[in-house]
């Protein structure tokens, strides 16, 4: 009975942790325009500075994903959870105090670095303490509740000014830190800690071609999620202008609508994975659905702003496969490297935003191609690679995870 209570508590705390994670991660996208306007920027500078800030945040997450993951395998899952949430909570609070864009640059990198460990370590703990039949449900609950943090981010930013929105995020993180005291360490990690098994040796692990290819496929499968968020949702105002959408499109509202869909999608995709008893099939079905929705959104010229918002919401449903993506990545590798992989893989996906936005900026500079043409080219590229990687990914639904990677 005690074990059941501990598992439930872990799922709730992991879900709340991801909720705060998503709130902070997406908050910048929501307050991009008002915060940069308050710092004295306007016109095309809002897009240019916004992309730089987003890239710095994602670069921080990429760096943090590796560092926190290695520490999670070497020192333990719980110590990393305390460190990550403390760092990004303080960075959030300081974000509300910035006076110039240079301070903004530094703090978005630090916040990204701190955020990087939250989801991966939480999913690692769930994978290691829940049964193989139910761990997918745990991941689904965490993801579907966590993604709703973006919706709360919109509501807070809509009611208060952007500085207060950052303070709220930091405050929620510090409150969550108090709940973390009651979480127990993973039994699988405690067991291997007493052995001489090499833990968190990331570069040595990837030196084997088979491991490198498997890890690369994990990352490639998740890239469409952040292509969609990084280009179509973050730059929804610019996309709407290119599609000649009638009526104003507010960037923060676009984020809210998309993440409502993504929260629904995380729940549906996770339940589909449980019903089919297959991570792989659920991923492929979601990716095919995302292909259809990307094609519809990028060809929706001249529609009303309300219809555009609804399309972004529906686009979020297949884009909510993040829950199954995370479960699959966590289940691919042994206990001695699991935290490193589960934490770094999603952050490599997020870090790919830097490459995607760079390619997008280059392609969209072509007058004939423009915003929509550049987005369409990148969509074809990332979706083709992701579907190919998903097809080659082994299914891990009922895999025993209590083993050491050689």
Protein backbone atom coordinates (compact mmCIF):
# COMPACT_ATOMS: atom_id res chain seq x y z
CA UNK A 1 0.00 0.00 0.00
CA UNK A 2 2.87 2.33 0.85
CA UNK A 3 4.43 1.69 -2.56
CA UNK A 4 1.16 2.59 -4.32
CA UNK A 5 0.94 5.86 -2.37
CA UNK A 6 4.55 6.69 -3.17
CA UNK A 7 4.00 6.03 -6.86
CA UNK A 8 0.89 8.23 -6.93
CA UNK A 9 2.76 10.99 -5.12
CA UNK A 10 5.66 10.72 -7.56
CA UNK A 11 3.34 10.98 -10.58
CA UNK A 12 1.58 14.02 -9.09
CA UNK A 13 4.85 15.78 -8.25
CA UNK A 14 6.39 14.93 -11.63
CA UNK A 15 3.26 16.27 -13.35
CA UNK A 16 3.40 19.50 -11.34
CA UNK A 17 7.11 19.77 -12.07
CA UNK A 18 6.50 19.48 -15.80
CA UNK A 19 3.61 21.95 -15.44
CA UNK A 20 6.00 24.57 -14.02
CA UNK A 21 8.60 23.55 -16.63
CA UNK A 22 6.20 24.17 -19.54
CA UNK A 23 4.86 27.36 -17.96
CA UNK A 24 8.36 28.81 -17.87
CA UNK A 25 9.47 27.35 -21.20
CA UNK A 26 6.50 28.76 -23.07
CA UNK A 27 6.11 31.95 -21.04
CA UNK A 28 8.85 33.65 -23.05
CA UNK A 29 7.02 32.86 -26.29
CA UNK A 30 3.86 34.37 -24.79
CA UNK A 31 5.53 37.55 -23.47
CA UNK A 32 8.07 37.91 -26.31
CA UNK A 33 6.44 40.94 -27.88
CA UNK A 34 5.37 42.89 -24.76
CA UNK A 35 8.69 42.30 -22.95
CA UNK A 36 10.83 43.33 -25.93
CA UNK A 37 8.55 46.30 -26.61
CA UNK A 38 9.05 47.40 -23.00
CA UNK A 39 12.82 47.21 -23.57
CA UNK A 40 12.51 49.60 -26.51
CA UNK A 41 12.31 47.33 -29.57
CA UNK A 42 9.74 47.42 -32.36
CA UNK A 43 8.94 46.15 -35.85
CA UNK A 44 11.29 43.51 -37.26
CA UNK A 45 13.45 43.80 -34.12
CA UNK A 46 10.74 41.94 -32.20
CA UNK A 47 11.21 38.93 -34.46
CA UNK A 48 15.02 39.17 -34.65
CA UNK A 49 15.59 39.60 -30.90
CA UNK A 50 12.87 37.03 -30.17
CA UNK A 51 14.62 34.37 -32.25
CA UNK A 52 17.96 35.13 -30.53
CA UNK A 53 16.35 34.78 -27.09
CA UNK A 54 14.57 31.57 -28.06
CA UNK A 55 17.82 30.14 -29.42
CA UNK A 56 19.71 31.06 -26.23
CA UNK A 57 17.03 29.42 -24.11
CA UNK A 58 17.21 26.27 -26.24
CA UNK A 59 21.03 26.31 -26.20
CA UNK A 60 20.81 26.43 -22.40
CA UNK A 61 18.47 23.46 -22.43
CA UNK A 62 20.75 21.52 -24.75
CA UNK A 63 23.75 22.12 -22.46
CA UNK A 64 21.75 21.50 -19.31
CA UNK A 65 20.22 18.33 -20.70
CA UNK A 66 23.64 16.72 -20.95
CA UNK A 67 24.95 18.03 -17.62
CA UNK A 68 21.84 17.21 -15.53
CA UNK A 69 21.46 13.82 -17.21
CA UNK A 70 25.02 12.77 -16.40
CA UNK A 71 24.61 14.02 -12.82
CA UNK A 72 21.32 12.10 -12.56
CA UNK A 73 23.10 8.85 -13.39
CA UNK A 74 26.17 9.58 -11.26
CA UNK A 75 24.71 11.26 -8.17
CA UNK A 76 21.04 10.26 -8.20
CA UNK A 77 17.69 11.34 -9.64
CA UNK A 78 16.47 13.34 -6.64
CA UNK A 79 19.53 15.56 -6.17
CA UNK A 80 19.18 16.69 -9.78
CA UNK A 81 15.49 17.49 -9.35
CA UNK A 82 16.31 19.80 -6.44
CA UNK A 83 19.11 21.52 -8.36
CA UNK A 84 17.17 22.09 -11.58
CA UNK A 85 14.06 23.54 -10.00
CA UNK A 86 16.03 25.86 -7.73
CA UNK A 87 18.08 27.22 -10.63
CA UNK A 88 15.23 27.88 -13.03
CA UNK A 89 13.00 29.31 -10.28
CA UNK A 90 15.62 31.90 -9.35
CA UNK A 91 16.35 32.64 -13.03
CA UNK A 92 12.63 33.21 -13.60
CA UNK A 93 12.39 35.68 -10.76
CA UNK A 94 15.46 37.56 -12.05
CA UNK A 95 13.88 37.60 -15.54
CA UNK A 96 11.19 39.82 -14.10
CA UNK A 97 13.84 42.35 -13.02
CA UNK A 98 15.77 42.80 -16.30
CA UNK A 99 16.50 46.31 -17.58
CA UNK A 100 18.10 45.54 -20.96
CA UNK A 101 18.23 42.84 -23.62
CA UNK A 102 21.75 41.71 -22.64
CA UNK A 103 20.46 40.71 -19.19
CA UNK A 104 17.56 38.98 -20.93
CA UNK A 105 20.00 36.97 -23.08
CA UNK A 106 21.97 35.73 -20.06
CA UNK A 107 18.95 34.84 -17.94
CA UNK A 108 17.09 33.00 -20.70
CA UNK A 109 20.19 30.81 -21.17
CA UNK A 110 20.39 30.15 -17.40
CA UNK A 111 16.64 29.45 -17.17
CA UNK A 112 16.93 27.04 -20.10
CA UNK A 113 19.89 25.30 -18.45
CA UNK A 114 17.86 24.84 -15.26
CA UNK A 115 14.70 23.70 -17.02
CA UNK A 116 16.60 21.01 -18.91
CA UNK A 117 16.62 18.45 -16.10
CA UNK A 118 13.02 18.64 -14.91
CA UNK A 119 11.10 16.46 -17.36
CA UNK A 120 13.78 13.88 -18.15
CA UNK A 121 14.55 13.06 -14.52
CA UNK A 122 10.84 12.92 -13.66
CA UNK A 123 10.14 10.48 -16.51
CA UNK A 124 13.19 8.42 -15.53
CA UNK A 125 11.84 8.02 -11.99
CA UNK A 126 8.41 7.02 -13.27
CA UNK A 127 9.91 4.46 -15.68
CA UNK A 128 11.88 2.91 -12.82
CA UNK A 129 9.25 2.77 -10.07
CA UNK A 130 6.09 1.84 -12.02
CA UNK A 131 5.27 -1.54 -13.53
CA UNK A 132 5.94 -2.05 -17.25
CA UNK A 133 2.17 -2.29 -17.88
CA UNK A 134 1.37 1.04 -16.17
CA UNK A 135 4.46 3.24 -16.61
CA UNK A 136 3.06 4.53 -19.91
CA UNK A 137 -0.02 5.80 -18.05
CA UNK A 138 2.25 7.60 -15.59
CA UNK A 139 4.08 9.33 -18.42
CA UNK A 140 0.75 10.21 -20.07
CA UNK A 141 -0.59 11.84 -16.89
CA UNK A 142 2.62 13.82 -16.41
CA UNK A 143 2.64 15.05 -20.00
CA UNK A 144 -1.05 15.91 -20.35
CA UNK A 145 -1.13 17.83 -17.05
CA UNK A 146 2.28 19.41 -17.60
CA UNK A 147 1.49 20.74 -21.06
CA UNK A 148 -1.46 22.63 -19.55
CA UNK A 149 1.17 24.89 -17.93
CA UNK A 150 1.28 26.79 -21.21
CA UNK A 151 -2.43 27.59 -20.91
CA UNK A 152 -1.93 28.90 -17.37
CA UNK A 153 1.03 30.90 -18.67
CA UNK A 154 -1.29 32.63 -21.14
CA UNK A 155 -3.92 33.35 -18.48
CA UNK A 156 -1.34 34.81 -16.08
CA UNK A 157 0.37 36.88 -18.80
CA UNK A 158 -3.04 38.09 -20.02
CA UNK A 159 -4.11 39.20 -16.53
CA UNK A 160 -0.79 40.62 -15.29
CA UNK A 161 2.17 42.30 -16.93
CA UNK A 162 5.10 40.25 -18.24
CA UNK A 163 7.33 40.91 -15.22
CA UNK A 164 4.70 39.59 -12.80
CA UNK A 165 4.24 36.52 -15.05
CA UNK A 166 7.92 35.67 -14.56
CA UNK A 167 7.62 36.20 -10.78
CA UNK A 168 4.64 33.81 -10.64
CA UNK A 169 6.63 31.14 -12.48
CA UNK A 170 9.56 31.47 -10.09
CA UNK A 171 7.26 31.36 -7.08
CA UNK A 172 5.52 28.18 -8.30
CA UNK A 173 8.91 26.54 -8.76
CA UNK A 174 10.01 27.35 -5.20
CA UNK A 175 6.73 25.98 -3.80
CA UNK A 176 7.23 22.79 -5.78
CA UNK A 177 10.69 22.47 -4.27
CA UNK A 178 9.05 21.95 -0.86
CA UNK A 179 6.93 19.05 -2.20
CA UNK A 180 10.02 17.32 -3.56
CA UNK A 181 11.21 16.52 -0.03
CA UNK A 182 8.70 13.65 0.20
CA UNK A 183 9.82 11.84 -2.99
CA UNK A 184 11.89 8.66 -2.65
CA UNK A 185 14.89 7.73 -4.82
CA UNK A 186 14.51 5.11 -7.57
CA UNK A 187 15.11 1.56 -6.32
CA UNK A 188 16.81 0.61 -9.60
CA UNK A 189 19.30 3.45 -9.22
CA UNK A 190 19.92 2.63 -5.55
CA UNK A 191 20.71 -0.95 -6.57
CA UNK A 192 23.25 -0.09 -9.29
CA UNK A 193 24.80 2.61 -7.09
CA UNK A 194 26.08 -0.17 -4.85
CA UNK A 195 27.71 -1.92 -7.81
CA UNK A 196 30.77 -0.99 -9.86
CA UNK A 197 28.72 -0.34 -13.00
CA UNK A 198 29.85 2.72 -14.99
CA UNK A 199 27.18 5.40 -14.69
CA UNK A 200 26.59 8.45 -16.85
CA UNK A 201 29.56 7.88 -19.17
CA UNK A 202 27.82 9.61 -22.05
CA UNK A 203 30.60 9.97 -24.63
CA UNK A 204 31.91 6.44 -24.02
CA UNK A 205 28.37 5.11 -24.40
CA UNK A 206 27.87 6.93 -27.71
CA UNK A 207 31.22 5.71 -29.07
CA UNK A 208 29.42 2.48 -30.03
CA UNK A 209 27.74 2.85 -33.42
CA UNK A 210 24.66 0.88 -32.41
CA UNK A 211 24.05 3.11 -29.37
CA UNK A 212 24.68 6.29 -31.35
CA UNK A 213 22.17 5.32 -34.06
CA UNK A 214 19.54 4.34 -31.49
CA UNK A 215 20.05 7.60 -29.60
CA UNK A 216 19.92 9.65 -32.84
CA UNK A 217 16.62 8.00 -33.79
CA UNK A 218 15.18 8.95 -30.37
CA UNK A 219 16.02 12.61 -31.05
CA UNK A 220 14.88 12.69 -34.70
CA UNK A 221 11.45 11.29 -33.77
CA UNK A 222 10.83 14.29 -31.47
CA UNK A 223 12.05 17.09 -33.77
CA UNK A 224 8.64 17.78 -35.45
CA UNK A 225 7.18 18.80 -32.07
CA UNK A 226 9.60 21.68 -31.72
CA UNK A 227 9.62 22.53 -35.41
CA UNK A 228 5.89 23.12 -35.04
CA UNK A 229 6.24 25.10 -31.80
CA UNK A 230 9.41 26.98 -32.77
CA UNK A 231 8.21 28.16 -36.18
CA UNK A 232 4.44 27.93 -36.60
CA UNK A 233 3.37 28.68 -33.01
CA UNK A 234 6.11 31.01 -31.76
CA UNK A 235 5.88 33.04 -34.97
CA UNK A 236 2.10 32.64 -35.37
CA UNK A 237 1.62 36.40 -35.85
CA UNK A 238 4.09 36.43 -38.75
CA UNK A 239 2.60 33.21 -40.18
CA UNK A 240 -0.89 34.75 -40.07
CA UNK A 241 0.36 37.81 -41.97
CA UNK A 242 1.91 35.60 -44.66
CA UNK A 243 -1.32 33.60 -45.00
CA UNK A 244 -3.35 36.85 -45.13
CA UNK A 245 -5.51 35.78 -42.19
CA UNK A 246 -8.40 38.18 -41.72
CA UNK A 247 -8.46 39.82 -38.30
CA UNK A 248 -5.65 40.24 -35.75
CA UNK A 249 -3.79 37.17 -34.47
CA UNK A 250 -2.30 37.47 -30.99
CA UNK A 251 0.84 35.39 -30.42
CA UNK A 252 -0.04 34.54 -26.82
CA UNK A 253 -3.52 33.34 -27.82
CA UNK A 254 -1.99 31.18 -30.56
CA UNK A 255 0.22 29.50 -27.94
CA UNK A 256 -2.74 28.90 -25.65
CA UNK A 257 -4.89 27.32 -28.36
CA UNK A 258 -2.06 25.09 -29.58
CA UNK A 259 -1.22 23.86 -26.10
CA UNK A 260 -4.84 23.09 -25.28
CA UNK A 261 -4.71 20.77 -28.29
CA UNK A 262 -1.31 19.39 -27.26
CA UNK A 263 -2.59 18.59 -23.75
CA UNK A 264 -5.53 16.69 -25.25
CA UNK A 265 -3.16 15.02 -27.70
CA UNK A 266 -0.74 13.93 -24.96
CA UNK A 267 -3.60 12.18 -23.17
CA UNK A 268 -5.02 10.57 -26.34
CA UNK A 269 -1.64 9.44 -27.69
CA UNK A 270 -0.66 7.95 -24.33
CA UNK A 271 -3.97 6.08 -24.06
CA UNK A 272 -3.60 4.92 -27.68
CA UNK A 273 -0.16 3.53 -26.83
CA UNK A 274 -1.65 1.64 -23.88
CA UNK A 275 -4.56 0.33 -25.98
CA UNK A 276 -2.29 -0.82 -28.83
CA UNK A 277 0.35 -2.00 -26.32
CA UNK A 278 2.88 -0.28 -28.56
CA UNK A 279 4.88 2.94 -28.32
CA UNK A 280 5.98 2.60 -31.94
CA UNK A 281 2.51 2.38 -33.49
CA UNK A 282 1.25 5.35 -31.46
CA UNK A 283 4.23 7.44 -32.58
CA UNK A 284 3.76 6.60 -36.26
CA UNK A 285 0.01 7.32 -36.16
CA UNK A 286 0.66 10.69 -34.48
CA UNK A 287 3.36 11.64 -36.99
CA UNK A 288 1.08 10.83 -39.93
CA UNK A 289 -1.70 12.92 -38.36
CA UNK A 290 0.76 15.78 -37.86
CA UNK A 291 1.71 15.61 -41.57
CA UNK A 292 -1.94 16.12 -42.51
CA UNK A 293 -2.44 19.03 -40.11
CA UNK A 294 0.78 20.79 -41.17
CA UNK A 295 -0.37 20.64 -44.78
CA UNK A 296 -3.79 22.08 -43.84
CA UNK A 297 -2.37 24.93 -41.72
CA UNK A 298 0.22 25.97 -44.32
CA UNK A 299 -2.41 26.07 -47.06
CA UNK A 300 -5.10 27.93 -45.07
CA UNK A 301 -4.76 31.24 -46.89
CA UNK A 302 -7.33 33.95 -46.29
CA UNK A 303 -9.26 32.27 -43.46
CA UNK A 304 -10.58 34.16 -40.42
CA UNK A 305 -8.50 34.57 -37.27
CA UNK A 306 -10.96 32.43 -35.26
CA UNK A 307 -10.63 29.57 -37.76
CA UNK A 308 -6.85 29.98 -37.65
CA UNK A 309 -6.86 29.62 -33.86
CA UNK A 310 -8.96 26.45 -34.13
CA UNK A 311 -6.55 25.01 -36.66
CA UNK A 312 -3.66 25.64 -34.26
CA UNK A 313 -5.60 23.82 -31.53
CA UNK A 314 -6.27 20.81 -33.79
CA UNK A 315 -2.62 20.91 -34.92
CA UNK A 316 -1.69 20.49 -31.24
CA UNK A 317 -3.51 17.13 -30.96
CA UNK A 318 -1.12 15.06 -33.12
CA UNK A 319 1.73 17.27 -31.89
CA UNK A 320 0.99 16.03 -28.36
CA UNK A 321 2.85 12.76 -28.96
CA UNK A 322 5.62 14.13 -26.70
CA UNK A 323 4.36 11.87 -23.86
CA UNK A 324 4.96 8.68 -25.87
CA UNK A 325 8.20 10.07 -27.30
CA UNK A 326 9.52 10.58 -23.75
CA UNK A 327 8.41 7.14 -22.59
CA UNK A 328 10.02 5.50 -25.61
CA UNK A 329 13.33 7.35 -25.13
CA UNK A 330 13.47 6.42 -21.44
CA UNK A 331 12.81 2.75 -22.17
CA UNK A 332 15.50 2.40 -24.84
CA UNK A 333 18.51 2.19 -22.49
CA UNK A 334 19.84 0.65 -19.26
CA UNK A 335 19.60 2.06 -15.73
CA UNK A 336 23.22 3.28 -15.66
CA UNK A 337 22.65 5.63 -18.63
CA UNK A 338 18.84 6.11 -18.53
CA UNK A 339 18.74 9.53 -16.84
CA UNK A 340 21.39 10.87 -19.22
CA UNK A 341 19.46 9.71 -22.28
CA UNK A 342 15.99 10.66 -21.01
CA UNK A 343 17.17 14.12 -19.99
CA UNK A 344 19.44 14.90 -22.93
CA UNK A 345 17.29 13.51 -25.79
CA UNK A 346 14.34 15.94 -25.39
CA UNK A 347 16.77 18.81 -24.90
CA UNK A 348 18.65 17.91 -28.05
CA UNK A 349 15.22 18.09 -29.73
CA UNK A 350 14.64 21.53 -28.22
CA UNK A 351 18.20 22.52 -29.11
CA UNK A 352 17.44 21.66 -32.74
CA UNK A 353 15.29 24.80 -32.73
CA UNK A 354 18.53 26.75 -33.16
CA UNK A 355 19.30 24.89 -36.41
CA UNK A 356 15.67 24.99 -37.56
CA UNK A 357 15.28 28.74 -37.02
CA UNK A 358 18.63 29.38 -38.73
CA UNK A 359 17.56 27.36 -41.78
CA UNK A 360 14.16 29.02 -41.68
CA UNK A 361 15.66 32.52 -41.59
CA UNK A 362 17.90 31.65 -44.54
CA UNK A 363 15.10 30.10 -46.62
CA UNK A 364 12.46 32.72 -45.83
CA UNK A 365 14.83 35.49 -46.96
CA UNK A 366 14.11 34.33 -50.52
CA UNK A 367 11.30 36.62 -51.69
CA UNK A 368 9.64 33.94 -53.81
CA UNK A 369 9.71 31.34 -51.03
CA UNK A 370 8.75 33.59 -48.11
CA UNK A 371 7.51 32.45 -44.71
CA UNK A 372 5.05 29.77 -45.85
CA UNK A 373 7.36 28.29 -48.49
CA UNK A 374 10.28 28.05 -46.05
CA UNK A 375 8.05 26.45 -43.40
CA UNK A 376 6.73 23.93 -45.95
CA UNK A 377 10.24 22.89 -47.04
CA UNK A 378 11.33 22.37 -43.43
CA UNK A 379 8.10 20.51 -42.63
CA UNK A 380 8.74 17.99 -45.40
CA UNK A 381 12.32 17.52 -44.22
CA UNK A 382 11.65 17.01 -40.49
CA UNK A 383 8.55 14.85 -41.02
CA UNK A 384 10.30 12.55 -43.49
CA UNK A 385 13.22 12.03 -41.14
CA UNK A 386 10.97 11.53 -38.08
CA UNK A 387 8.73 8.93 -39.73
CA UNK A 388 11.78 7.06 -41.02
CA UNK A 389 13.31 7.07 -37.52
CA UNK A 390 10.04 5.95 -35.88
CA UNK A 391 9.73 2.99 -38.26
CA UNK A 392 13.26 1.86 -37.27
CA UNK A 393 12.74 2.38 -33.53
CA UNK A 394 12.27 -0.85 -31.52
CA UNK A 395 9.05 -1.11 -29.50
CA UNK A 396 9.58 -0.98 -25.74
CA UNK A 397 6.05 -1.21 -24.32
CA UNK A 398 6.64 -4.26 -22.14
CA UNK A 399 10.44 -4.13 -21.92
CA UNK A 400 12.11 -4.97 -18.60
CA UNK A 401 14.12 -1.89 -17.59
CA UNK A 402 16.09 -3.34 -14.67
CA UNK A 403 19.40 -3.91 -16.46
CA UNK A 404 22.79 -2.27 -16.98
CA UNK A 405 23.86 -1.00 -20.39
CA UNK A 406 27.16 -2.57 -21.50
